[in-house]
Amino acid sequence: MLNVCFRLVGGVPVIGPLFDDSEAARRAAKRWLNRFNRFCSERQSVRVFIEREESSYSLVIMVNGRVLYRLSGLDELLVRRLYRCVGRKRMLVLTSFVDEGHFEPQPLAVTEGAGLVVFQQGEVI
């Protein structure tokens, strides 16, 4: 199970797995973006929701009925915070985080522009 990282960047919730190696973080982000491009069509249907597993939760992002990404290992406190933040902004960013000994892990969406921005038009996760 990967560690999950969550930050607010300009009030926007940014979430994703935490990596020790920046190259592994880049590869993971590229995989999601490539899958997203393959799943895309003119009419996109993106759905974000939380699934409860035994003692933890998963953030699931579906595009056109297919699971694009499942981020496991969320706890109840993080889920509550995510609900609140996504409810306000109606969006979130999925990206990889890199912990290379900085003060706090850095999201690739900020440092390299590698991330998937998901807007929620309808119900909030």
C-alpha atoms as a PDB file:
ATOM      1  CA  MET A   1       0.000   0.000   0.000  1.00  0.00           C
ATOM      2  CA  LEU A   2       1.313   3.432  -0.954  1.00  0.00           C
ATOM      3  CA  ASN A   3       1.339   6.364   1.398  1.00  0.00           C
ATOM      4  CA  VAL A   4      -1.211   8.999   0.465  1.00  0.00           C
ATOM      5  CA  CYS A   5      -0.424  12.684   0.513  1.00  0.00           C
ATOM      6  CA  PHE A   6      -2.931  15.552   0.626  1.00  0.00           C
ATOM      7  CA  ARG A   7      -2.368  19.305   0.403  1.00  0.00           C
ATOM      8  CA  LEU A   8      -4.299  22.432  -0.359  1.00  0.00           C
ATOM      9  CA  VAL A   9      -2.639  24.485  -3.092  1.00  0.00           C
ATOM     10  CA  GLY A  10      -4.324  27.833  -3.520  1.00  0.00           C
ATOM     11  CA  GLY A  11      -7.353  26.365  -1.767  1.00  0.00           C
ATOM     12  CA  VAL A  12      -7.574  23.504  -4.280  1.00  0.00           C
ATOM     13  CA  PRO A  13      -7.305  19.968  -2.864  1.00  0.00           C
ATOM     14  CA  VAL A  14      -4.349  18.052  -4.309  1.00  0.00           C
ATOM     15  CA  ILE A  15      -4.106  14.334  -3.546  1.00  0.00           C
ATOM     16  CA  GLY A  16      -2.023  11.382  -4.663  1.00  0.00           C
ATOM     17  CA  PRO A  17       0.488   8.711  -3.784  1.00  0.00           C
ATOM     18  CA  LEU A  18       3.810   9.588  -2.179  1.00  0.00           C
ATOM     19  CA  PHE A  19       7.067   8.454  -3.781  1.00  0.00           C
ATOM     20  CA  ASP A  20      10.683   8.663  -2.584  1.00  0.00           C
ATOM     21  CA  ASP A  21      11.938   8.806  -6.170  1.00  0.00           C
ATOM     22  CA  SER A  22      10.945  11.600  -8.545  1.00  0.00           C
ATOM     23  CA  GLU A  23      11.295   9.368 -11.607  1.00  0.00           C
ATOM     24  CA  ALA A  24       8.821   6.829 -10.194  1.00  0.00           C
ATOM     25  CA  ALA A  25       6.424   9.679  -9.401  1.00  0.00           C
ATOM     26  CA  ARG A  26       6.694  10.964 -13.007  1.00  0.00           C
ATOM     27  CA  ARG A  27       6.055   7.486 -14.441  1.00  0.00           C
ATOM     28  CA  ALA A  28       2.927   7.079 -12.303  1.00  0.00           C
ATOM     29  CA  ALA A  29       1.557  10.477 -13.341  1.00  0.00           C
ATOM     30  CA  LYS A  30       2.252   9.744 -17.025  1.00  0.00           C
ATOM     31  CA  ARG A  31       0.384   6.425 -16.729  1.00  0.00           C
ATOM     32  CA  TRP A  32      -2.773   8.176 -15.468  1.00  0.00           C
ATOM     33  CA  LEU A  33      -2.596  10.860 -18.111  1.00  0.00           C
ATOM     34  CA  ASN A  34      -2.074   8.291 -20.892  1.00  0.00           C
ATOM     35  CA  ARG A  35      -4.995   6.195 -19.604  1.00  0.00           C
ATOM     36  CA  PHE A  36      -7.148   9.310 -19.403  1.00  0.00           C
ATOM     37  CA  ASN A  37      -6.319  10.168 -23.031  1.00  0.00           C
ATOM     38  CA  ARG A  38      -7.210   6.601 -24.126  1.00  0.00           C
ATOM     39  CA  PHE A  39     -10.527   6.660 -22.246  1.00  0.00           C
ATOM     40  CA  CYS A  40     -11.500  10.093 -23.519  1.00  0.00           C
ATOM     41  CA  SER A  41     -14.066  10.725 -26.164  1.00  0.00           C
ATOM     42  CA  GLU A  42     -15.950  13.796 -27.241  1.00  0.00           C
ATOM     43  CA  ARG A  43     -18.380  13.308 -24.382  1.00  0.00           C
ATOM     44  CA  GLN A  44     -16.548  12.621 -21.174  1.00  0.00           C
ATOM     45  CA  SER A  45     -18.227  11.325 -18.092  1.00  0.00           C
ATOM     46  CA  VAL A  46     -15.936  11.682 -15.082  1.00  0.00           C
ATOM     47  CA  ARG A  47     -17.107  10.414 -11.726  1.00  0.00           C
ATOM     48  CA  VAL A  48     -15.209  10.681  -8.449  1.00  0.00           C
ATOM     49  CA  PHE A  49     -16.327   8.770  -5.383  1.00  0.00           C
ATOM     50  CA  ILE A  50     -15.135   7.191  -2.166  1.00  0.00           C
ATOM     51  CA  GLU A  51     -15.325   3.434  -1.544  1.00  0.00           C
ATOM     52  CA  ARG A  52     -15.130   2.034   1.949  1.00  0.00           C
ATOM     53  CA  GLU A  53     -12.897  -0.946   2.484  1.00  0.00           C
ATOM     54  CA  GLU A  54     -12.491  -2.806   5.770  1.00  0.00           C
ATOM     55  CA  SER A  55     -10.718  -0.171   7.849  1.00  0.00           C
ATOM     56  CA  SER A  56      -9.784   2.339   5.176  1.00  0.00           C
ATOM     57  CA  TYR A  57     -11.173   4.140   2.156  1.00  0.00           C
ATOM     58  CA  SER A  58     -10.267   4.514  -1.516  1.00  0.00           C
ATOM     59  CA  LEU A  59     -10.704   7.467  -3.830  1.00  0.00           C
ATOM     60  CA  VAL A  60     -11.918   6.178  -7.197  1.00  0.00           C
ATOM     61  CA  ILE A  61     -11.867   8.171 -10.432  1.00  0.00           C
ATOM     62  CA  MET A  62     -13.907   6.756 -13.310  1.00  0.00           C
ATOM     63  CA  VAL A  63     -13.892   8.046 -16.892  1.00  0.00           C
ATOM     64  CA  ASN A  64     -16.642   6.918 -19.264  1.00  0.00           C
ATOM     65  CA  GLY A  65     -17.518   4.001 -16.973  1.00  0.00           C
ATOM     66  CA  ARG A  66     -13.941   2.700 -16.590  1.00  0.00           C
ATOM     67  CA  VAL A  67     -11.786   2.994 -13.490  1.00  0.00           C
ATOM     68  CA  LEU A  68      -8.982   5.413 -14.300  1.00  0.00           C
ATOM     69  CA  TYR A  69      -7.388   5.339 -10.877  1.00  0.00           C
ATOM     70  CA  ARG A  70      -8.000   3.967  -7.403  1.00  0.00           C
ATOM     71  CA  LEU A  71      -6.081   5.605  -4.565  1.00  0.00           C
ATOM     72  CA  SER A  72      -6.239   3.309  -1.542  1.00  0.00           C
ATOM     73  CA  GLY A  73      -5.197   3.906   2.018  1.00  0.00           C
ATOM     74  CA  LEU A  74      -7.253   6.956   2.953  1.00  0.00           C
ATOM     75  CA  ASP A  75      -8.419   7.237   6.536  1.00  0.00           C
ATOM     76  CA  GLU A  76     -11.688   8.699   7.777  1.00  0.00           C
ATOM     77  CA  LEU A  77     -10.171  12.063   8.752  1.00  0.00           C
ATOM     78  CA  LEU A  78      -8.683  12.530   5.281  1.00  0.00           C
ATOM     79  CA  VAL A  79     -11.984  11.571   3.656  1.00  0.00           C
ATOM     80  CA  ARG A  80     -13.858  14.174   5.720  1.00  0.00           C
ATOM     81  CA  ARG A  81     -11.312  16.839   4.839  1.00  0.00           C
ATOM     82  CA  LEU A  82     -11.467  15.875   1.162  1.00  0.00           C
ATOM     83  CA  TYR A  83     -15.301  16.090   1.140  1.00  0.00           C
ATOM     84  CA  ARG A  84     -15.176  19.549   2.683  1.00  0.00           C
ATOM     85  CA  CYS A  85     -12.494  20.899   0.331  1.00  0.00           C
ATOM     86  CA  VAL A  86     -13.954  19.410  -2.860  1.00  0.00           C
ATOM     87  CA  GLY A  87     -17.393  20.656  -1.831  1.00  0.00           C
ATOM     88  CA  ARG A  88     -16.100  24.228  -1.702  1.00  0.00           C
ATOM     89  CA  LYS A  89     -14.022  24.249  -4.883  1.00  0.00           C
ATOM     90  CA  ARG A  90     -15.929  21.549  -6.840  1.00  0.00           C
ATOM     91  CA  MET A  91     -12.582  20.250  -8.090  1.00  0.00           C
ATOM     92  CA  LEU A  92      -9.500  18.288  -7.100  1.00  0.00           C
ATOM     93  CA  VAL A  93      -6.116  17.500  -8.581  1.00  0.00           C
ATOM     94  CA  LEU A  94      -4.723  13.972  -8.781  1.00  0.00           C
ATOM     95  CA  THR A  95      -0.937  13.960  -8.917  1.00  0.00           C
ATOM     96  CA  SER A  96       2.101  12.211  -7.491  1.00  0.00           C
ATOM     97  CA  PHE A  97       4.015  13.616  -4.555  1.00  0.00           C
ATOM     98  CA  VAL A  98       7.775  13.370  -4.144  1.00  0.00           C
ATOM     99  CA  ASP A  99       9.522  13.309  -0.774  1.00  0.00           C
ATOM    100  CA  GLU A 100      13.195  13.945  -1.376  1.00  0.00           C
ATOM    101  CA  GLY A 101      13.969  15.257   2.093  1.00  0.00           C
ATOM    102  CA  HIS A 102      12.297  18.644   1.658  1.00  0.00           C
ATOM    103  CA  PHE A 103      10.286  20.243   4.438  1.00  0.00           C
ATOM    104  CA  GLU A 104       7.151  18.661   2.995  1.00  0.00           C
ATOM    105  CA  PRO A 105       6.455  16.452  -0.043  1.00  0.00           C
ATOM    106  CA  GLN A 106       6.149  18.313  -3.330  1.00  0.00           C
ATOM    107  CA  PRO A 107       3.241  17.629  -5.734  1.00  0.00           C
ATOM    108  CA  LEU A 108       4.254  17.160  -9.380  1.00  0.00           C
ATOM    109  CA  ALA A 109       1.230  19.224 -10.397  1.00  0.00           C
ATOM    110  CA  VAL A 110       2.979  22.239  -8.867  1.00  0.00           C
ATOM    111  CA  THR A 111       6.625  21.492  -9.651  1.00  0.00           C
ATOM    112  CA  GLU A 112       6.199  20.034 -13.155  1.00  0.00           C
ATOM    113  CA  GLY A 113       2.581  20.596 -14.153  1.00  0.00           C
ATOM    114  CA  ALA A 114       1.919  16.831 -14.170  1.00  0.00           C
ATOM    115  CA  GLY A 115      -1.502  16.104 -12.773  1.00  0.00           C
ATOM    116  CA  LEU A 116      -5.116  15.498 -13.628  1.00  0.00           C
ATOM    117  CA  VAL A 117      -7.605  18.218 -12.715  1.00  0.00           C
ATOM    118  CA  VAL A 118     -11.085  16.844 -12.055  1.00  0.00           C
ATOM    119  CA  PHE A 119     -14.070  19.197 -11.968  1.00  0.00           C
ATOM    120  CA  GLN A 120     -17.241  18.032 -10.235  1.00  0.00           C
ATOM    121  CA  GLN A 121     -20.315  19.497 -11.902  1.00  0.00           C
ATOM    122  CA  GLY A 122     -22.900  17.391 -10.151  1.00  0.00           C
ATOM    123  CA  GLU A 123     -22.768  15.686  -6.801  1.00  0.00           C
ATOM    124  CA  VAL A 124     -19.654  16.058  -4.712  1.00  0.00           C
ATOM    125  CA  ILE A 125     -17.829  12.803  -4.002  1.00  0.00           C
END
